Amino acid sequence: MAKEYHIINLAYLKEISNGDNKLITDLIELFFEQIPEYQLKMNEYFEQHDWNNLGRIAHKAKSAILMAGMEELALDLKKLEQNTKDGENIGNYKEIIVKFVNVSNAAIKELQEVKKQYNK
């Protein structure tokens, strides 16, 4: 029986990989590499009030988040990206960044479990 995950949704990952377990584990590894960097950069750019780069990193993070099937968080990142372009809702930026960090850290834990399953 397949394990239930609360944060991630593997349907998209399985679809884009055509069920290729090696590709799935490679994509998971890429997620592990990218997400901590995105977390760090988002906080850095926020502290520097560098909205242009904050929007760019939110865009990059959105792609990784979608790959793991986290559509709600991807919508938040899209909103952050759009708001930084428009210079709007600056008061909400930190909240979205904190949510991104917390949810993506939980996703990493779940993906570590997935990776163990695929490496058997």
PDB file of N, CA and C in Angstrom:
ATOM      1  N   MET A   1       0.837  -1.200   0.000  1.00  0.00           N
ATOM      2  CA  MET A   1       0.000   0.000   0.000  1.00  0.00           C
ATOM      3  C   MET A   1       0.877   1.257   0.000  1.00  0.00           C
ATOM      4  N   ALA A   2       0.529   2.215  -0.808  1.00  0.00           N
ATOM      5  CA  ALA A   2       1.316   3.449  -0.907  1.00  0.00           C
ATOM      6  C   ALA A   2       1.158   4.280   0.353  1.00  0.00           C
ATOM      7  N   LYS A   3       2.243   4.875   0.761  1.00  0.00           N
ATOM      8  CA  LYS A   3       2.233   5.741   1.945  1.00  0.00           C
ATOM      9  C   LYS A   3       1.540   7.061   1.606  1.00  0.00           C
ATOM     10  N   GLU A   4       0.788   7.556   2.568  1.00  0.00           N
ATOM     11  CA  GLU A   4       0.124   8.846   2.400  1.00  0.00           C
ATOM     12  C   GLU A   4       1.079   9.960   2.829  1.00  0.00           C
ATOM     13  N   TYR A   5       1.191  10.970   2.002  1.00  0.00           N
ATOM     14  CA  TYR A   5       2.007  12.138   2.339  1.00  0.00           C
ATOM     15  C   TYR A   5       1.090  13.327   2.540  1.00  0.00           C
ATOM     16  N   HIS A   6       1.465  14.189   3.468  1.00  0.00           N
ATOM     17  CA  HIS A   6       0.618  15.335   3.809  1.00  0.00           C
ATOM     18  C   HIS A   6       1.013  16.598   3.063  1.00  0.00           C
ATOM     19  N   ILE A   7       2.277  16.692   2.674  1.00  0.00           N
ATOM     20  CA  ILE A   7       2.784  17.908   2.050  1.00  0.00           C
ATOM     21  C   ILE A   7       2.947  17.728   0.545  1.00  0.00           C
ATOM     22  N   ILE A   8       3.595  16.658   0.152  1.00  0.00           N
ATOM     23  CA  ILE A   8       3.908  16.451  -1.254  1.00  0.00           C
ATOM     24  C   ILE A   8       2.827  15.632  -1.953  1.00  0.00           C
ATOM     25  N   ASN A   9       2.831  15.727  -3.275  1.00  0.00           N
ATOM     26  CA  ASN A   9       1.945  14.923  -4.107  1.00  0.00           C
ATOM     27  C   ASN A   9       2.823  14.389  -5.237  1.00  0.00           C
ATOM     28  N   LEU A  10       3.026  13.098  -5.246  1.00  0.00           N
ATOM     29  CA  LEU A  10       3.969  12.501  -6.186  1.00  0.00           C
ATOM     30  C   LEU A  10       3.418  12.316  -7.598  1.00  0.00           C
ATOM     31  N   ALA A  11       2.151  12.608  -7.812  1.00  0.00           N
ATOM     32  CA  ALA A  11       1.535  12.370  -9.125  1.00  0.00           C
ATOM     33  C   ALA A  11       2.298  13.081 -10.247  1.00  0.00           C
ATOM     34  N   TYR A  12       2.614  14.347 -10.050  1.00  0.00           N
ATOM     35  CA  TYR A  12       3.299  15.109 -11.086  1.00  0.00           C
ATOM     36  C   TYR A  12       4.701  14.554 -11.328  1.00  0.00           C
ATOM     37  N   LEU A  13       5.403  14.257 -10.267  1.00  0.00           N
ATOM     38  CA  LEU A  13       6.764  13.710 -10.358  1.00  0.00           C
ATOM     39  C   LEU A  13       6.759  12.389 -11.133  1.00  0.00           C
ATOM     40  N   LYS A  14       5.778  11.545 -10.843  1.00  0.00           N
ATOM     41  CA  LYS A  14       5.666  10.254 -11.542  1.00  0.00           C
ATOM     42  C   LYS A  14       5.314  10.473 -13.011  1.00  0.00           C
ATOM     43  N   GLU A  15       4.465  11.470 -13.264  1.00  0.00           N
ATOM     44  CA  GLU A  15       4.039  11.754 -14.632  1.00  0.00           C
ATOM     45  C   GLU A  15       5.209  12.250 -15.488  1.00  0.00           C
ATOM     46  N   ILE A  16       5.961  13.234 -14.990  1.00  0.00           N
ATOM     47  CA  ILE A  16       7.043  13.796 -15.806  1.00  0.00           C
ATOM     48  C   ILE A  16       8.217  12.832 -15.962  1.00  0.00           C
ATOM     49  N   SER A  17       8.312  11.854 -15.076  1.00  0.00           N
ATOM     50  CA  SER A  17       9.423  10.896 -15.150  1.00  0.00           C
ATOM     51  C   SER A  17       9.015   9.607 -15.863  1.00  0.00           C
ATOM     52  N   ASN A  18       7.743   9.517 -16.262  1.00  0.00           N
ATOM     53  CA  ASN A  18       7.214   8.283 -16.858  1.00  0.00           C
ATOM     54  C   ASN A  18       7.501   7.070 -15.983  1.00  0.00           C
ATOM     55  N   GLY A  19       7.459   7.282 -14.657  1.00  0.00           N
ATOM     56  CA  GLY A  19       7.676   6.184 -13.720  1.00  0.00           C
ATOM     57  C   GLY A  19       9.119   5.710 -13.620  1.00  0.00           C
ATOM     58  N   ASP A  20      10.051   6.464 -14.192  1.00  0.00           N
ATOM     59  CA  ASP A  20      11.473   6.112 -14.150  1.00  0.00           C
ATOM     60  C   ASP A  20      12.019   6.425 -12.751  1.00  0.00           C
ATOM     61  N   ASN A  21      12.259   5.371 -11.970  1.00  0.00           N
ATOM     62  CA  ASN A  21      12.680   5.559 -10.582  1.00  0.00           C
ATOM     63  C   ASN A  21      13.985   6.341 -10.458  1.00  0.00           C
ATOM     64  N   LYS A  22      14.906   6.123 -11.378  1.00  0.00           N
ATOM     65  CA  LYS A  22      16.194   6.844 -11.339  1.00  0.00           C
ATOM     66  C   LYS A  22      15.958   8.336 -11.547  1.00  0.00           C
ATOM     67  N   LEU A  23      15.104   8.677 -12.508  1.00  0.00           N
ATOM     68  CA  LEU A  23      14.805  10.087 -12.759  1.00  0.00           C
ATOM     69  C   LEU A  23      14.089  10.702 -11.550  1.00  0.00           C
ATOM     70  N   ILE A  24      13.183   9.957 -10.945  1.00  0.00           N
ATOM     71  CA  ILE A  24      12.482  10.457  -9.751  1.00  0.00           C
ATOM     72  C   ILE A  24      13.494  10.758  -8.645  1.00  0.00           C
ATOM     73  N   THR A  25      14.413   9.840  -8.381  1.00  0.00           N
ATOM     74  CA  THR A  25      15.402  10.095  -7.313  1.00  0.00           C
ATOM     75  C   THR A  25      16.334  11.247  -7.691  1.00  0.00           C
ATOM     76  N   ASP A  26      16.660  11.383  -8.986  1.00  0.00           N
ATOM     77  CA  ASP A  26      17.488  12.517  -9.422  1.00  0.00           C
ATOM     78  C   ASP A  26      16.759  13.845  -9.186  1.00  0.00           C
ATOM     79  N   LEU A  27      15.469  13.882  -9.507  1.00  0.00           N
ATOM     80  CA  LEU A  27      14.681  15.103  -9.301  1.00  0.00           C
ATOM     81  C   LEU A  27      14.539  15.423  -7.817  1.00  0.00           C
ATOM     82  N   ILE A  28      14.406  14.402  -6.997  1.00  0.00           N
ATOM     83  CA  ILE A  28      14.337  14.602  -5.541  1.00  0.00           C
ATOM     84  C   ILE A  28      15.662  15.176  -5.048  1.00  0.00           C
ATOM     85  N   GLU A  29      16.779  14.640  -5.540  1.00  0.00           N
ATOM     86  CA  GLU A  29      18.098  15.158  -5.168  1.00  0.00           C
ATOM     87  C   GLU A  29      18.230  16.635  -5.547  1.00  0.00           C
ATOM     88  N   LEU A  30      17.738  16.974  -6.734  1.00  0.00           N
ATOM     89  CA  LEU A  30      17.783  18.358  -7.183  1.00  0.00           C
ATOM     90  C   LEU A  30      16.980  19.251  -6.231  1.00  0.00           C
ATOM     91  N   PHE A  31      15.839  18.771  -5.794  1.00  0.00           N
ATOM     92  CA  PHE A  31      15.004  19.488  -4.823  1.00  0.00           C
ATOM     93  C   PHE A  31      15.797  19.731  -3.540  1.00  0.00           C
ATOM     94  N   PHE A  32      16.491  18.683  -3.066  1.00  0.00           N
ATOM     95  CA  PHE A  32      17.305  18.788  -1.839  1.00  0.00           C
ATOM     96  C   PHE A  32      18.405  19.834  -1.986  1.00  0.00           C
ATOM     97  N   GLU A  33      18.955  19.960  -3.186  1.00  0.00           N
ATOM     98  CA  GLU A  33      20.024  20.937  -3.428  1.00  0.00           C
ATOM     99  C   GLU A  33      19.473  22.360  -3.529  1.00  0.00           C
ATOM    100  N   GLN A  34      18.370  22.505  -4.245  1.00  0.00           N
ATOM    101  CA  GLN A  34      17.859  23.838  -4.560  1.00  0.00           C
ATOM    102  C   GLN A  34      17.139  24.516  -3.397  1.00  0.00           C
ATOM    103  N   ILE A  35      16.306  23.772  -2.703  1.00  0.00           N
ATOM    104  CA  ILE A  35      15.416  24.395  -1.716  1.00  0.00           C
ATOM    105  C   ILE A  35      16.172  25.136  -0.603  1.00  0.00           C
ATOM    106  N   PRO A  36      17.185  24.536   0.033  1.00  0.00           N
ATOM    107  CA  PRO A  36      17.902  25.297   1.067  1.00  0.00           C
ATOM    108  C   PRO A  36      18.518  26.596   0.533  1.00  0.00           C
ATOM    109  N   GLU A  37      19.005  26.549  -0.700  1.00  0.00           N
ATOM    110  CA  GLU A  37      19.568  27.750  -1.325  1.00  0.00           C
ATOM    111  C   GLU A  37      18.481  28.801  -1.529  1.00  0.00           C
ATOM    112  N   TYR A  38      17.319  28.372  -2.014  1.00  0.00           N
ATOM    113  CA  TYR A  38      16.213  29.306  -2.217  1.00  0.00           C
ATOM    114  C   TYR A  38      15.761  29.916  -0.886  1.00  0.00           C
ATOM    115  N   GLN A  39      15.719  29.096   0.151  1.00  0.00           N
ATOM    116  CA  GLN A  39      15.322  29.591   1.472  1.00  0.00           C
ATOM    117  C   GLN A  39      16.281  30.688   1.938  1.00  0.00           C
ATOM    118  N   LEU A  40      17.560  30.405   1.810  1.00  0.00           N
ATOM    119  CA  LEU A  40      18.597  31.346   2.226  1.00  0.00           C
ATOM    120  C   LEU A  40      18.498  32.648   1.433  1.00  0.00           C
ATOM    121  N   LYS A  41      18.394  32.524   0.118  1.00  0.00           N
ATOM    122  CA  LYS A  41      18.347  33.704  -0.749  1.00  0.00           C
ATOM    123  C   LYS A  41      17.096  34.539  -0.497  1.00  0.00           C
ATOM    124  N   MET A  42      15.956  33.874  -0.302  1.00  0.00           N
ATOM    125  CA  MET A  42      14.725  34.633  -0.047  1.00  0.00           C
ATOM    126  C   MET A  42      14.865  35.489   1.202  1.00  0.00           C
ATOM    127  N   ASN A  43      15.393  34.892   2.259  1.00  0.00           N
ATOM    128  CA  ASN A  43      15.574  35.649   3.496  1.00  0.00           C
ATOM    129  C   ASN A  43      16.590  36.774   3.315  1.00  0.00           C
ATOM    130  N   GLU A  44      17.659  36.488   2.584  1.00  0.00           N
ATOM    131  CA  GLU A  44      18.684  37.506   2.307  1.00  0.00           C
ATOM    132  C   GLU A  44      18.081  38.680   1.550  1.00  0.00           C
ATOM    133  N   TYR A  45      17.397  38.382   0.460  1.00  0.00           N
ATOM    134  CA  TYR A  45      16.820  39.446  -0.360  1.00  0.00           C
ATOM    135  C   TYR A  45      15.757  40.225   0.393  1.00  0.00           C
ATOM    136  N   PHE A  46      15.015  39.529   1.243  1.00  0.00           N
ATOM    137  CA  PHE A  46      14.002  40.222   2.049  1.00  0.00           C
ATOM    138  C   PHE A  46      14.680  41.225   2.986  1.00  0.00           C
ATOM    139  N   GLU A  47      15.732  40.766   3.672  1.00  0.00           N
ATOM    140  CA  GLU A  47      16.447  41.631   4.617  1.00  0.00           C
ATOM    141  C   GLU A  47      17.048  42.840   3.899  1.00  0.00           C
ATOM    142  N   GLN A  48      17.481  42.655   2.650  1.00  0.00           N
ATOM    143  CA  GLN A  48      18.100  43.732   1.865  1.00  0.00           C
ATOM    144  C   GLN A  48      17.065  44.591   1.135  1.00  0.00           C
ATOM    145  N   HIS A  49      15.790  44.223   1.278  1.00  0.00           N
ATOM    146  CA  HIS A  49      14.709  44.909   0.551  1.00  0.00           C
ATOM    147  C   HIS A  49      14.957  44.874  -0.950  1.00  0.00           C
ATOM    148  N   ASP A  50      15.549  43.775  -1.418  1.00  0.00           N
ATOM    149  CA  ASP A  50      15.843  43.573  -2.838  1.00  0.00           C
ATOM    150  C   ASP A  50      14.660  42.819  -3.449  1.00  0.00           C
ATOM    151  N   TRP A  51      13.607  43.570  -3.744  1.00  0.00           N
ATOM    152  CA  TRP A  51      12.357  42.953  -4.195  1.00  0.00           C
ATOM    153  C   TRP A  51      12.512  42.310  -5.572  1.00  0.00           C
ATOM    154  N   ASN A  52      13.346  42.882  -6.418  1.00  0.00           N
ATOM    155  CA  ASN A  52      13.554  42.337  -7.757  1.00  0.00           C
ATOM    156  C   ASN A  52      14.102  40.905  -7.675  1.00  0.00           C
ATOM    157  N   ASN A  53      15.165  40.725  -6.926  1.00  0.00           N
ATOM    158  CA  ASN A  53      15.750  39.384  -6.793  1.00  0.00           C
ATOM    159  C   ASN A  53      14.873  38.452  -5.960  1.00  0.00           C
ATOM    160  N   LEU A  54      14.143  39.008  -5.009  1.00  0.00           N
ATOM    161  CA  LEU A  54      13.211  38.189  -4.226  1.00  0.00           C
ATOM    162  C   LEU A  54      12.160  37.588  -5.161  1.00  0.00           C
ATOM    163  N   GLY A  55      11.657  38.389  -6.068  1.00  0.00           N
ATOM    164  CA  GLY A  55      10.677  37.902  -7.049  1.00  0.00           C
ATOM    165  C   GLY A  55      11.265  36.839  -7.965  1.00  0.00           C
ATOM    166  N   ARG A  56      12.506  37.039  -8.352  1.00  0.00           N
ATOM    167  CA  ARG A  56      13.171  36.059  -9.230  1.00  0.00           C
ATOM    168  C   ARG A  56      13.352  34.718  -8.533  1.00  0.00           C
ATOM    169  N   ILE A  57      13.776  34.755  -7.282  1.00  0.00           N
ATOM    170  CA  ILE A  57      14.013  33.501  -6.554  1.00  0.00           C
ATOM    171  C   ILE A  57      12.676  32.833  -6.227  1.00  0.00           C
ATOM    172  N   ALA A  58      11.638  33.623  -5.989  1.00  0.00           N
ATOM    173  CA  ALA A  58      10.303  33.052  -5.764  1.00  0.00           C
ATOM    174  C   ALA A  58       9.849  32.309  -7.018  1.00  0.00           C
ATOM    175  N   HIS A  59      10.164  32.869  -8.179  1.00  0.00           N
ATOM    176  CA  HIS A  59       9.807  32.220  -9.450  1.00  0.00           C
ATOM    177  C   HIS A  59      10.536  30.882  -9.591  1.00  0.00           C
ATOM    178  N   LYS A  60      11.816  30.867  -9.302  1.00  0.00           N
ATOM    179  CA  LYS A  60      12.596  29.624  -9.393  1.00  0.00           C
ATOM    180  C   LYS A  60      12.085  28.588  -8.391  1.00  0.00           C
ATOM    181  N   ALA A  61      11.823  29.036  -7.179  1.00  0.00           N
ATOM    182  CA  ALA A  61      11.351  28.127  -6.131  1.00  0.00           C
ATOM    183  C   ALA A  61       9.995  27.539  -6.505  1.00  0.00           C
ATOM    184  N   LYS A  62       9.169  28.338  -7.150  1.00  0.00           N
ATOM    185  CA  LYS A  62       7.834  27.884  -7.549  1.00  0.00           C
ATOM    186  C   LYS A  62       7.931  26.644  -8.435  1.00  0.00           C
ATOM    187  N   SER A  63       8.872  26.630  -9.356  1.00  0.00           N
ATOM    188  CA  SER A  63       9.043  25.475 -10.248  1.00  0.00           C
ATOM    189  C   SER A  63       9.389  24.215  -9.456  1.00  0.00           C
ATOM    190  N   ALA A  64      10.300  24.338  -8.520  1.00  0.00           N
ATOM    191  CA  ALA A  64      10.699  23.187  -7.704  1.00  0.00           C
ATOM    192  C   ALA A  64       9.532  22.702  -6.851  1.00  0.00           C
ATOM    193  N   ILE A  65       8.801  23.641  -6.293  1.00  0.00           N
ATOM    194  CA  ILE A  65       7.663  23.323  -5.424  1.00  0.00           C
ATOM    195  C   ILE A  65       6.568  22.604  -6.228  1.00  0.00           C
ATOM    196  N   LEU A  66       6.313  23.070  -7.443  1.00  0.00           N
ATOM    197  CA  LEU A  66       5.313  22.425  -8.293  1.00  0.00           C
ATOM    198  C   LEU A  66       5.708  20.996  -8.642  1.00  0.00           C
ATOM    199  N   MET A  67       6.998  20.781  -8.853  1.00  0.00           N
ATOM    200  CA  MET A  67       7.481  19.446  -9.185  1.00  0.00           C
ATOM    201  C   MET A  67       7.109  18.448  -8.075  1.00  0.00           C
ATOM    202  N   ALA A  68       7.109  18.923  -6.846  1.00  0.00           N
ATOM    203  CA  ALA A  68       6.757  18.069  -5.712  1.00  0.00           C
ATOM    204  C   ALA A  68       5.251  18.100  -5.421  1.00  0.00           C
ATOM    205  N   GLY A  69       4.501  18.743  -6.314  1.00  0.00           N
ATOM    206  CA  GLY A  69       3.043  18.708  -6.213  1.00  0.00           C
ATOM    207  C   GLY A  69       2.433  19.575  -5.134  1.00  0.00           C
ATOM    208  N   MET A  70       3.131  20.618  -4.719  1.00  0.00           N
ATOM    209  CA  MET A  70       2.619  21.499  -3.655  1.00  0.00           C
ATOM    210  C   MET A  70       2.001  22.745  -4.286  1.00  0.00           C
ATOM    211  N   GLU A  71       0.798  22.572  -4.796  1.00  0.00           N
ATOM    212  CA  GLU A  71       0.160  23.624  -5.583  1.00  0.00           C
ATOM    213  C   GLU A  71      -0.196  24.869  -4.776  1.00  0.00           C
ATOM    214  N   GLU A  72      -0.650  24.684  -3.551  1.00  0.00           N
ATOM    215  CA  GLU A  72      -1.030  25.842  -2.731  1.00  0.00           C
ATOM    216  C   GLU A  72       0.182  26.727  -2.452  1.00  0.00           C
ATOM    217  N   LEU A  73       1.305  26.098  -2.095  1.00  0.00           N
ATOM    218  CA  LEU A  73       2.524  26.861  -1.830  1.00  0.00           C
ATOM    219  C   LEU A  73       3.023  27.527  -3.115  1.00  0.00           C
ATOM    220  N   ALA A  74       2.888  26.844  -4.248  1.00  0.00           N
ATOM    221  CA  ALA A  74       3.289  27.428  -5.537  1.00  0.00           C
ATOM    222  C   ALA A  74       2.471  28.686  -5.831  1.00  0.00           C
ATOM    223  N   LEU A  75       1.186  28.662  -5.488  1.00  0.00           N
ATOM    224  CA  LEU A  75       0.340  29.849  -5.689  1.00  0.00           C
ATOM    225  C   LEU A  75       0.815  31.002  -4.805  1.00  0.00           C
ATOM    226  N   ASP A  76       1.214  30.682  -3.573  1.00  0.00           N
ATOM    227  CA  ASP A  76       1.750  31.722  -2.680  1.00  0.00           C
ATOM    228  C   ASP A  76       3.026  32.331  -3.258  1.00  0.00           C
ATOM    229  N   LEU A  77       3.882  31.477  -3.812  1.00  0.00           N
ATOM    230  CA  LEU A  77       5.135  31.972  -4.399  1.00  0.00           C
ATOM    231  C   LEU A  77       4.852  32.809  -5.648  1.00  0.00           C
ATOM    232  N   LYS A  78       3.843  32.406  -6.403  1.00  0.00           N
ATOM    233  CA  LYS A  78       3.460  33.184  -7.583  1.00  0.00           C
ATOM    234  C   LYS A  78       2.958  34.563  -7.157  1.00  0.00           C
ATOM    235  N   LYS A  79       2.182  34.584  -6.078  1.00  0.00           N
ATOM    236  CA  LYS A  79       1.670  35.844  -5.535  1.00  0.00           C
ATOM    237  C   LYS A  79       2.838  36.724  -5.076  1.00  0.00           C
ATOM    238  N   LEU A  80       3.810  36.108  -4.397  1.00  0.00           N
ATOM    239  CA  LEU A  80       4.995  36.848  -3.937  1.00  0.00           C
ATOM    240  C   LEU A  80       5.746  37.420  -5.137  1.00  0.00           C
ATOM    241  N   GLU A  81       5.930  36.590  -6.149  1.00  0.00           N
ATOM    242  CA  GLU A  81       6.627  37.026  -7.360  1.00  0.00           C
ATOM    243  C   GLU A  81       5.911  38.230  -7.987  1.00  0.00           C
ATOM    244  N   GLN A  82       4.602  38.136  -8.126  1.00  0.00           N
ATOM    245  CA  GLN A  82       3.828  39.220  -8.743  1.00  0.00           C
ATOM    246  C   GLN A  82       3.864  40.478  -7.884  1.00  0.00           C
ATOM    247  N   ASN A  83       3.717  40.306  -6.567  1.00  0.00           N
ATOM    248  CA  ASN A  83       3.727  41.460  -5.667  1.00  0.00           C
ATOM    249  C   ASN A  83       5.059  42.192  -5.690  1.00  0.00           C
ATOM    250  N   THR A  84       6.170  41.443  -5.810  1.00  0.00           N
ATOM    251  CA  THR A  84       7.480  42.111  -5.844  1.00  0.00           C
ATOM    252  C   THR A  84       7.633  42.906  -7.143  1.00  0.00           C
ATOM    253  N   LYS A  85       7.069  42.404  -8.221  1.00  0.00           N
ATOM    254  CA  LYS A  85       7.116  43.143  -9.496  1.00  0.00           C
ATOM    255  C   LYS A  85       6.321  44.443  -9.408  1.00  0.00           C
ATOM    256  N   ASP A  86       5.181  44.354  -8.721  1.00  0.00           N
ATOM    257  CA  ASP A  86       4.281  45.501  -8.627  1.00  0.00           C
ATOM    258  C   ASP A  86       4.582  46.387  -7.412  1.00  0.00           C
ATOM    259  N   GLY A  87       5.475  45.934  -6.534  1.00  0.00           N
ATOM    260  CA  GLY A  87       5.782  46.681  -5.314  1.00  0.00           C
ATOM    261  C   GLY A  87       4.594  46.756  -4.372  1.00  0.00           C
ATOM    262  N   GLU A  88       3.788  45.704  -4.355  1.00  0.00           N
ATOM    263  CA  GLU A  88       2.561  45.689  -3.547  1.00  0.00           C
ATOM    264  C   GLU A  88       2.658  44.688  -2.396  1.00  0.00           C
ATOM    265  N   ASN A  89       1.831  44.913  -1.376  1.00  0.00           N
ATOM    266  CA  ASN A  89       1.668  43.986  -0.249  1.00  0.00           C
ATOM    267  C   ASN A  89       2.994  43.582   0.405  1.00  0.00           C
ATOM    268  N   ILE A  90       3.900  44.528   0.521  1.00  0.00           N
ATOM    269  CA  ILE A  90       5.227  44.250   1.088  1.00  0.00           C
ATOM    270  C   ILE A  90       5.093  43.634   2.481  1.00  0.00           C
ATOM    271  N   GLY A  91       4.060  44.017   3.205  1.00  0.00           N
ATOM    272  CA  GLY A  91       3.834  43.470   4.546  1.00  0.00           C
ATOM    273  C   GLY A  91       3.584  41.970   4.564  1.00  0.00           C
ATOM    274  N   ASN A  92       3.232  41.386   3.419  1.00  0.00           N
ATOM    275  CA  ASN A  92       2.957  39.949   3.355  1.00  0.00           C
ATOM    276  C   ASN A  92       4.170  39.114   2.940  1.00  0.00           C
ATOM    277  N   TYR A  93       5.227  39.745   2.494  1.00  0.00           N
ATOM    278  CA  TYR A  93       6.375  39.001   1.966  1.00  0.00           C
ATOM    279  C   TYR A  93       6.944  38.033   2.994  1.00  0.00           C
ATOM    280  N   LYS A  94       7.181  38.537   4.198  1.00  0.00           N
ATOM    281  CA  LYS A  94       7.836  37.708   5.216  1.00  0.00           C
ATOM    282  C   LYS A  94       6.979  36.491   5.556  1.00  0.00           C
ATOM    283  N   GLU A  95       5.677  36.694   5.647  1.00  0.00           N
ATOM    284  CA  GLU A  95       4.756  35.591   5.960  1.00  0.00           C
ATOM    285  C   GLU A  95       4.859  34.476   4.911  1.00  0.00           C
ATOM    286  N   ILE A  96       4.922  34.861   3.640  1.00  0.00           N
ATOM    287  CA  ILE A  96       5.036  33.868   2.571  1.00  0.00           C
ATOM    288  C   ILE A  96       6.399  33.165   2.640  1.00  0.00           C
ATOM    289  N   ILE A  97       7.443  33.922   2.922  1.00  0.00           N
ATOM    290  CA  ILE A  97       8.783  33.324   3.035  1.00  0.00           C
ATOM    291  C   ILE A  97       8.826  32.315   4.179  1.00  0.00           C
ATOM    292  N   VAL A  98       8.269  32.676   5.318  1.00  0.00           N
ATOM    293  CA  VAL A  98       8.242  31.762   6.474  1.00  0.00           C
ATOM    294  C   VAL A  98       7.457  30.504   6.131  1.00  0.00           C
ATOM    295  N   LYS A  99       6.325  30.672   5.472  1.00  0.00           N
ATOM    296  CA  LYS A  99       5.524  29.513   5.059  1.00  0.00           C
ATOM    297  C   LYS A  99       6.325  28.642   4.096  1.00  0.00           C
ATOM    298  N   PHE A 100       6.988  29.271   3.130  1.00  0.00           N
ATOM    299  CA  PHE A 100       7.812  28.528   2.171  1.00  0.00           C
ATOM    300  C   PHE A 100       8.878  27.707   2.895  1.00  0.00           C
ATOM    301  N   VAL A 101       9.566  28.320   3.841  1.00  0.00           N
ATOM    302  CA  VAL A 101      10.627  27.617   4.582  1.00  0.00           C
ATOM    303  C   VAL A 101      10.035  26.434   5.349  1.00  0.00           C
ATOM    304  N   ASN A 102       8.972  26.670   6.091  1.00  0.00           N
ATOM    305  CA  ASN A 102       8.384  25.613   6.918  1.00  0.00           C
ATOM    306  C   ASN A 102       7.826  24.466   6.075  1.00  0.00           C
ATOM    307  N   VAL A 103       7.070  24.798   5.056  1.00  0.00           N
ATOM    308  CA  VAL A 103       6.435  23.766   4.233  1.00  0.00           C
ATOM    309  C   VAL A 103       7.488  23.017   3.411  1.00  0.00           C
ATOM    310  N   SER A 104       8.452  23.732   2.858  1.00  0.00           N
ATOM    311  CA  SER A 104       9.464  23.047   2.046  1.00  0.00           C
ATOM    312  C   SER A 104      10.370  22.169   2.922  1.00  0.00           C
ATOM    313  N   ASN A 105      10.611  22.569   4.160  1.00  0.00           N
ATOM    314  CA  ASN A 105      11.374  21.698   5.076  1.00  0.00           C
ATOM    315  C   ASN A 105      10.596  20.420   5.373  1.00  0.00           C
ATOM    316  N   ALA A 106       9.295  20.540   5.561  1.00  0.00           N
ATOM    317  CA  ALA A 106       8.452  19.355   5.779  1.00  0.00           C
ATOM    318  C   ALA A 106       8.453  18.482   4.522  1.00  0.00           C
ATOM    319  N   ALA A 107       8.438  19.111   3.353  1.00  0.00           N
ATOM    320  CA  ALA A 107       8.474  18.373   2.090  1.00  0.00           C
ATOM    321  C   ALA A 107       9.786  17.607   1.944  1.00  0.00           C
ATOM    322  N   ILE A 108      10.878  18.209   2.372  1.00  0.00           N
ATOM    323  CA  ILE A 108      12.182  17.535   2.315  1.00  0.00           C
ATOM    324  C   ILE A 108      12.138  16.255   3.140  1.00  0.00           C
ATOM    325  N   LYS A 109      11.544  16.329   4.317  1.00  0.00           N
ATOM    326  CA  LYS A 109      11.431  15.128   5.169  1.00  0.00           C
ATOM    327  C   LYS A 109      10.628  14.032   4.455  1.00  0.00           C
ATOM    328  N   GLU A 110       9.515  14.429   3.854  1.00  0.00           N
ATOM    329  CA  GLU A 110       8.692  13.442   3.147  1.00  0.00           C
ATOM    330  C   GLU A 110       9.432  12.884   1.929  1.00  0.00           C
ATOM    331  N   LEU A 111      10.133  13.740   1.213  1.00  0.00           N
ATOM    332  CA  LEU A 111      10.866  13.281   0.028  1.00  0.00           C
ATOM    333  C   LEU A 111      12.039  12.372   0.395  1.00  0.00           C
ATOM    334  N   GLN A 112      12.586  12.554   1.589  1.00  0.00           N
ATOM    335  CA  GLN A 112      13.632  11.633   2.049  1.00  0.00           C
ATOM    336  C   GLN A 112      13.052  10.228   2.208  1.00  0.00           C
ATOM    337  N   GLU A 113      11.816  10.158   2.692  1.00  0.00           N
ATOM    338  CA  GLU A 113      11.117   8.874   2.812  1.00  0.00           C
ATOM    339  C   GLU A 113      10.874   8.264   1.426  1.00  0.00           C
ATOM    340  N   VAL A 114      10.411   9.093   0.505  1.00  0.00           N
ATOM    341  CA  VAL A 114      10.146   8.642  -0.859  1.00  0.00           C
ATOM    342  C   VAL A 114      11.429   8.090  -1.471  1.00  0.00           C
ATOM    343  N   LYS A 115      12.509   8.824  -1.295  1.00  0.00           N
ATOM    344  CA  LYS A 115      13.785   8.417  -1.889  1.00  0.00           C
ATOM    345  C   LYS A 115      14.220   7.038  -1.361  1.00  0.00           C
ATOM    346  N   LYS A 116      13.980   6.814  -0.064  1.00  0.00           N
ATOM    347  CA  LYS A 116      14.322   5.500   0.513  1.00  0.00           C
ATOM    348  C   LYS A 116      13.520   4.401  -0.184  1.00  0.00           C
ATOM    349  N   GLN A 117      12.246   4.674  -0.451  1.00  0.00           N
ATOM    350  CA  GLN A 117      11.392   3.687  -1.128  1.00  0.00           C
ATOM    351  C   GLN A 117      11.932   3.371  -2.520  1.00  0.00           C
ATOM    352  N   TYR A 118      12.353   4.404  -3.222  1.00  0.00           N
ATOM    353  CA  TYR A 118      12.813   4.205  -4.611  1.00  0.00           C
ATOM    354  C   TYR A 118      14.217   3.615  -4.682  1.00  0.00           C
ATOM    355  N   ASN A 119      14.957   3.718  -3.606  1.00  0.00           N
ATOM    356  CA  ASN A 119      16.329   3.190  -3.603  1.00  0.00           C
ATOM    357  C   ASN A 119      16.395   1.752  -3.136  1.00  0.00           C
ATOM    358  N   LYS A 120      15.253   1.155  -2.839  1.00  0.00           N
ATOM    359  CA  LYS A 120      15.237  -0.229  -2.359  1.00  0.00           C
ATOM    360  C   LYS A 120      15.587  -1.191  -3.476  1.00  0.00           C
TER     361      LYS A 120
END
